């Protein structure tokens, strides 16, 4: 999920709409509301955020520090001012990158993925057993062959592998895939996506690598 922070309603609504067209859940905050939310939100909600997009507002220069207290997710600033001083001020306050308007949401997603790769200091893929998932939106691979999946199932597999060895709940998966503020989709849809994903994994691997326990959630691991 992408969190957009800007005091202008039109800007917030515009970006959330654009990310929605790309199939990426997002939500918008006024800077004052966001400051309170980021300091009090549950760990699961914070973990669902893939990147923060910071725009205009009186408190925006204070926000990157507050974000860093909770998460290492990329912080990207969108600057309306074509000046070196404004850009340096944004970097000085702790943002990871600065982009100028207009900017396409795909560029923002690509920059966020690049920042995550640098922060992790690893390659753009993660292996677990014969499964390889990528950080750039490509379909995963199993034993070197492309394992094509619908977008939701692919993102669930990526989330399970990112949390490998740790059990995650249906709510955590839903928040990561649909966004923590999506009220138009029922949380139980996650069970359908996971069921389809597990059937495909079982057919490809000969067994189901996803362990599920009622009330505790799901886990993928290779011992």
Protein backbone atom coordinates (compact mmCIF):
# COMPACT_ATOMS: atom_id res chain seq x y z
CA UNK A 1 0.00 0.00 0.00
CA UNK A 2 1.12 3.55 -0.78
CA UNK A 3 0.38 6.33 1.71
CA UNK A 4 0.03 9.81 0.20
CA UNK A 5 0.46 12.80 2.53
CA UNK A 6 -0.63 16.22 1.26
CA UNK A 7 -2.81 19.01 2.60
CA UNK A 8 -4.58 19.39 -0.77
CA UNK A 9 -7.60 17.13 -1.22
CA UNK A 10 -7.34 17.20 -5.01
CA UNK A 11 -3.74 16.01 -4.90
CA UNK A 12 -4.48 13.18 -2.47
CA UNK A 13 -7.52 12.04 -4.43
CA UNK A 14 -5.62 12.31 -7.70
CA UNK A 15 -2.74 10.11 -6.60
CA UNK A 16 -4.93 7.50 -4.91
CA UNK A 17 -6.97 7.27 -8.11
CA UNK A 18 -3.83 6.89 -10.25
CA UNK A 19 -2.37 4.20 -8.00
CA UNK A 20 -5.73 2.44 -8.05
CA UNK A 21 -5.58 2.22 -11.83
CA UNK A 22 -2.22 0.48 -11.47
CA UNK A 23 -3.77 -2.02 -9.05
CA UNK A 24 -1.91 -0.63 -6.05
CA UNK A 25 -3.91 0.14 -2.88
CA UNK A 26 -3.34 3.61 -1.46
CA UNK A 27 -4.79 6.12 0.94
CA UNK A 28 -4.34 9.83 1.62
CA UNK A 29 -3.71 11.85 4.79
CA UNK A 30 -3.54 15.48 5.72
CA UNK A 31 -0.07 16.05 7.30
CA UNK A 32 -1.53 16.75 10.74
CA UNK A 33 -3.69 13.62 10.66
CA UNK A 34 -0.80 11.56 9.36
CA UNK A 35 1.55 12.67 12.14
CA UNK A 36 -0.83 11.23 14.73
CA UNK A 37 -1.55 8.09 12.71
CA UNK A 38 2.07 7.13 12.04
CA UNK A 39 2.93 7.39 15.72
CA UNK A 40 -0.03 5.33 16.96
CA UNK A 41 -0.83 2.85 14.16
CA UNK A 42 -0.55 -0.86 14.85
CA UNK A 43 2.61 -2.64 13.70
CA UNK A 44 0.62 -4.65 11.17
CA UNK A 45 -0.78 -1.50 9.59
CA UNK A 46 2.66 0.09 9.33
CA UNK A 47 4.11 -3.10 7.85
CA UNK A 48 1.48 -3.00 5.09
CA UNK A 49 2.88 0.29 3.74
CA UNK A 50 5.23 -0.15 0.77
CA UNK A 51 6.14 3.54 0.45
CA UNK A 52 5.19 7.02 1.65
CA UNK A 53 4.62 9.84 -0.83
CA UNK A 54 5.09 13.24 0.81
CA UNK A 55 3.67 16.37 -0.83
CA UNK A 56 2.74 19.82 0.41
CA UNK A 57 1.95 20.89 3.96
CA UNK A 58 3.27 22.89 6.90
CA UNK A 59 4.57 19.85 8.77
CA UNK A 60 5.97 17.77 5.92
CA UNK A 61 9.62 18.37 6.85
CA UNK A 62 8.95 16.77 10.23
CA UNK A 63 7.28 13.65 8.87
CA UNK A 64 10.26 11.60 7.57
CA UNK A 65 11.76 11.42 11.06
CA UNK A 66 8.45 10.24 12.50
CA UNK A 67 8.20 7.61 9.75
CA UNK A 68 11.73 6.37 10.44
CA UNK A 69 10.80 5.78 14.07
CA UNK A 70 8.32 3.14 12.84
CA UNK A 71 9.54 1.73 9.52
CA UNK A 72 12.28 1.69 6.90
CA UNK A 73 9.77 1.90 4.03
CA UNK A 74 10.82 4.35 1.28
CA UNK A 75 9.87 8.01 1.72
CA UNK A 76 9.55 9.90 -1.57
CA UNK A 77 8.86 13.62 -1.71
CA UNK A 78 7.02 15.29 -4.58
CA UNK A 79 8.30 18.83 -5.04
CA UNK A 80 6.35 21.66 -6.62
CA UNK A 81 9.32 24.02 -6.32
CA UNK A 82 12.06 23.74 -8.99
CA UNK A 83 14.80 25.01 -6.69
CA UNK A 84 17.96 23.46 -5.34
CA UNK A 85 17.29 24.83 -1.84
CA UNK A 86 13.87 23.16 -1.64
CA UNK A 87 15.29 19.85 -2.86
CA UNK A 88 18.18 19.92 -0.39
CA UNK A 89 15.80 20.77 2.46
CA UNK A 90 13.76 17.67 1.65
CA UNK A 91 16.83 15.44 1.61
CA UNK A 92 18.08 17.02 4.83
CA UNK A 93 14.83 16.13 6.61
CA UNK A 94 15.30 12.46 5.77
CA UNK A 95 13.46 11.61 2.54
CA UNK A 96 14.95 8.90 0.32
CA UNK A 97 14.18 10.53 -3.01
CA UNK A 98 12.70 13.72 -4.50
CA UNK A 99 10.66 13.81 -7.71
CA UNK A 100 9.23 16.76 -9.61
CA UNK A 101 5.65 17.06 -10.78
CA UNK A 102 4.22 15.78 -13.00
CA UNK A 103 5.31 12.23 -12.23
CA UNK A 104 3.68 8.99 -13.32
CA UNK A 105 2.70 6.53 -10.55
CA UNK A 106 4.73 3.81 -12.25
CA UNK A 107 7.85 5.93 -11.84
CA UNK A 108 7.08 6.35 -8.15
CA UNK A 109 6.63 2.59 -7.76
CA UNK A 110 9.89 1.94 -9.63
CA UNK A 111 11.78 4.43 -7.45
CA UNK A 112 10.31 2.87 -4.29
CA UNK A 113 11.38 -0.60 -5.44
CA UNK A 114 14.89 0.70 -6.16
CA UNK A 115 15.11 2.27 -2.70
CA UNK A 116 14.00 -0.97 -1.07
CA UNK A 117 16.68 -2.87 -2.97
CA UNK A 118 19.36 -0.43 -1.81
CA UNK A 119 18.14 -0.53 1.77
CA UNK A 120 18.19 -4.30 1.87
CA UNK A 121 21.53 -4.40 0.02
CA UNK A 122 20.40 -7.52 -1.80
CA UNK A 123 19.52 -8.44 -5.35
CA UNK A 124 16.06 -7.75 -6.73
CA UNK A 125 14.81 -11.23 -5.97
CA UNK A 126 14.32 -13.54 -3.00
CA UNK A 127 14.67 -17.32 -3.10
CA UNK A 128 12.96 -19.78 -0.82
CA UNK A 129 13.47 -23.38 -1.85
CA UNK A 130 12.74 -23.61 -5.60
CA UNK A 131 10.57 -20.45 -5.54
CA UNK A 132 11.99 -17.10 -6.60
CA UNK A 133 9.99 -13.87 -6.24
CA UNK A 134 11.03 -10.54 -7.70
CA UNK A 135 10.87 -7.00 -6.33
CA UNK A 136 9.97 -5.41 -9.66
CA UNK A 137 6.52 -6.88 -10.25
CA UNK A 138 7.54 -9.80 -12.46
CA UNK A 139 5.87 -13.18 -12.13
CA UNK A 140 7.70 -15.53 -9.76
CA UNK A 141 9.70 -18.52 -10.94
CA UNK A 142 9.72 -22.11 -9.74
CA UNK A 143 12.78 -24.20 -10.58
CA UNK A 144 13.77 -21.52 -13.09
CA UNK A 145 10.47 -21.54 -15.01
CA UNK A 146 8.00 -18.65 -14.96
CA UNK A 147 5.10 -19.33 -12.60
CA UNK A 148 2.41 -16.98 -13.91
CA UNK A 149 -0.09 -15.75 -11.31
CA UNK A 150 -2.90 -13.18 -11.19
CA UNK A 151 -1.79 -9.98 -9.51
CA UNK A 152 -3.47 -10.60 -6.12
CA UNK A 153 -2.11 -14.14 -5.82
CA UNK A 154 1.36 -12.96 -6.84
CA UNK A 155 1.33 -10.24 -4.18
CA UNK A 156 0.18 -12.73 -1.53
CA UNK A 157 3.04 -15.07 -2.43
CA UNK A 158 5.48 -12.15 -2.27
CA UNK A 159 4.12 -11.14 1.14
CA UNK A 160 4.33 -14.68 2.54
CA UNK A 161 7.92 -15.04 1.35
CA UNK A 162 8.86 -11.59 2.67
CA UNK A 163 7.62 -12.86 6.06
CA UNK A 164 8.93 -16.40 5.64
CA UNK A 165 9.27 -18.35 8.84
CA UNK A 166 6.75 -16.07 10.54
CA UNK A 167 3.01 -16.64 10.72
CA UNK A 168 0.85 -13.82 9.32
CA UNK A 169 -2.87 -13.38 9.81
CA UNK A 170 -5.58 -13.03 7.20
CA UNK A 171 -5.97 -9.40 8.27
CA UNK A 172 -2.28 -8.66 7.75
CA UNK A 173 -2.40 -10.19 4.28
CA UNK A 174 -5.55 -8.26 3.42
CA UNK A 175 -3.99 -4.98 4.57
CA UNK A 176 -0.87 -5.59 2.49
CA UNK A 177 -2.80 -6.54 -0.65
CA UNK A 178 -5.84 -4.27 -0.54
CA UNK A 179 -4.84 -1.50 1.85
CA UNK A 180 -5.83 -0.90 5.43
CA UNK A 181 -8.57 1.59 4.53
CA UNK A 182 -10.38 -0.36 1.80
CA UNK A 183 -13.96 -0.81 2.99
CA UNK A 184 -15.36 -1.92 -0.35
CA UNK A 185 -13.78 -5.39 -0.31
CA UNK A 186 -14.57 -8.08 2.27
CA UNK A 187 -11.58 -9.43 4.17
CA UNK A 188 -12.70 -13.01 3.49
CA UNK A 189 -11.70 -12.59 -0.17
CA UNK A 190 -8.15 -13.33 1.02
CA UNK A 191 -9.14 -16.94 1.76
CA UNK A 192 -10.26 -17.42 -1.83
CA UNK A 193 -7.03 -15.97 -3.23
CA UNK A 194 -4.90 -18.11 -0.91
CA UNK A 195 -6.88 -21.26 -1.73
CA UNK A 196 -6.27 -20.74 -5.46
CA UNK A 197 -2.59 -19.96 -4.88
CA UNK A 198 -2.08 -23.09 -2.78
CA UNK A 199 -3.72 -25.33 -5.40
CA UNK A 200 -1.38 -23.95 -8.06
CA UNK A 201 1.67 -24.36 -5.83
CA UNK A 202 0.64 -27.92 -4.98
CA UNK A 203 0.23 -28.77 -8.66
CA UNK A 204 3.60 -27.25 -9.56
CA UNK A 205 5.63 -28.50 -6.59
CA UNK A 206 3.83 -31.70 -5.72
CA UNK A 207 3.05 -30.42 -2.23
CA UNK A 208 1.65 -27.35 -0.52
CA UNK A 209 4.39 -25.15 1.03
CA UNK A 210 1.90 -22.91 2.85
CA UNK A 211 1.02 -23.97 6.38
CA UNK A 212 -2.22 -22.62 7.84
CA UNK A 213 -3.56 -22.79 11.35
CA UNK A 214 -7.05 -21.69 12.30
CA UNK A 215 -7.07 -18.32 14.10
CA UNK A 216 -3.25 -18.06 13.82
CA UNK A 217 -2.77 -17.46 10.12
CA UNK A 218 -0.42 -18.59 7.36
CA UNK A 219 3.27 -19.34 7.08
CA UNK A 220 5.64 -20.37 4.29
CA UNK A 221 9.07 -21.79 5.04
CA UNK A 222 11.66 -24.24 3.78
CA UNK A 223 13.48 -26.16 6.48
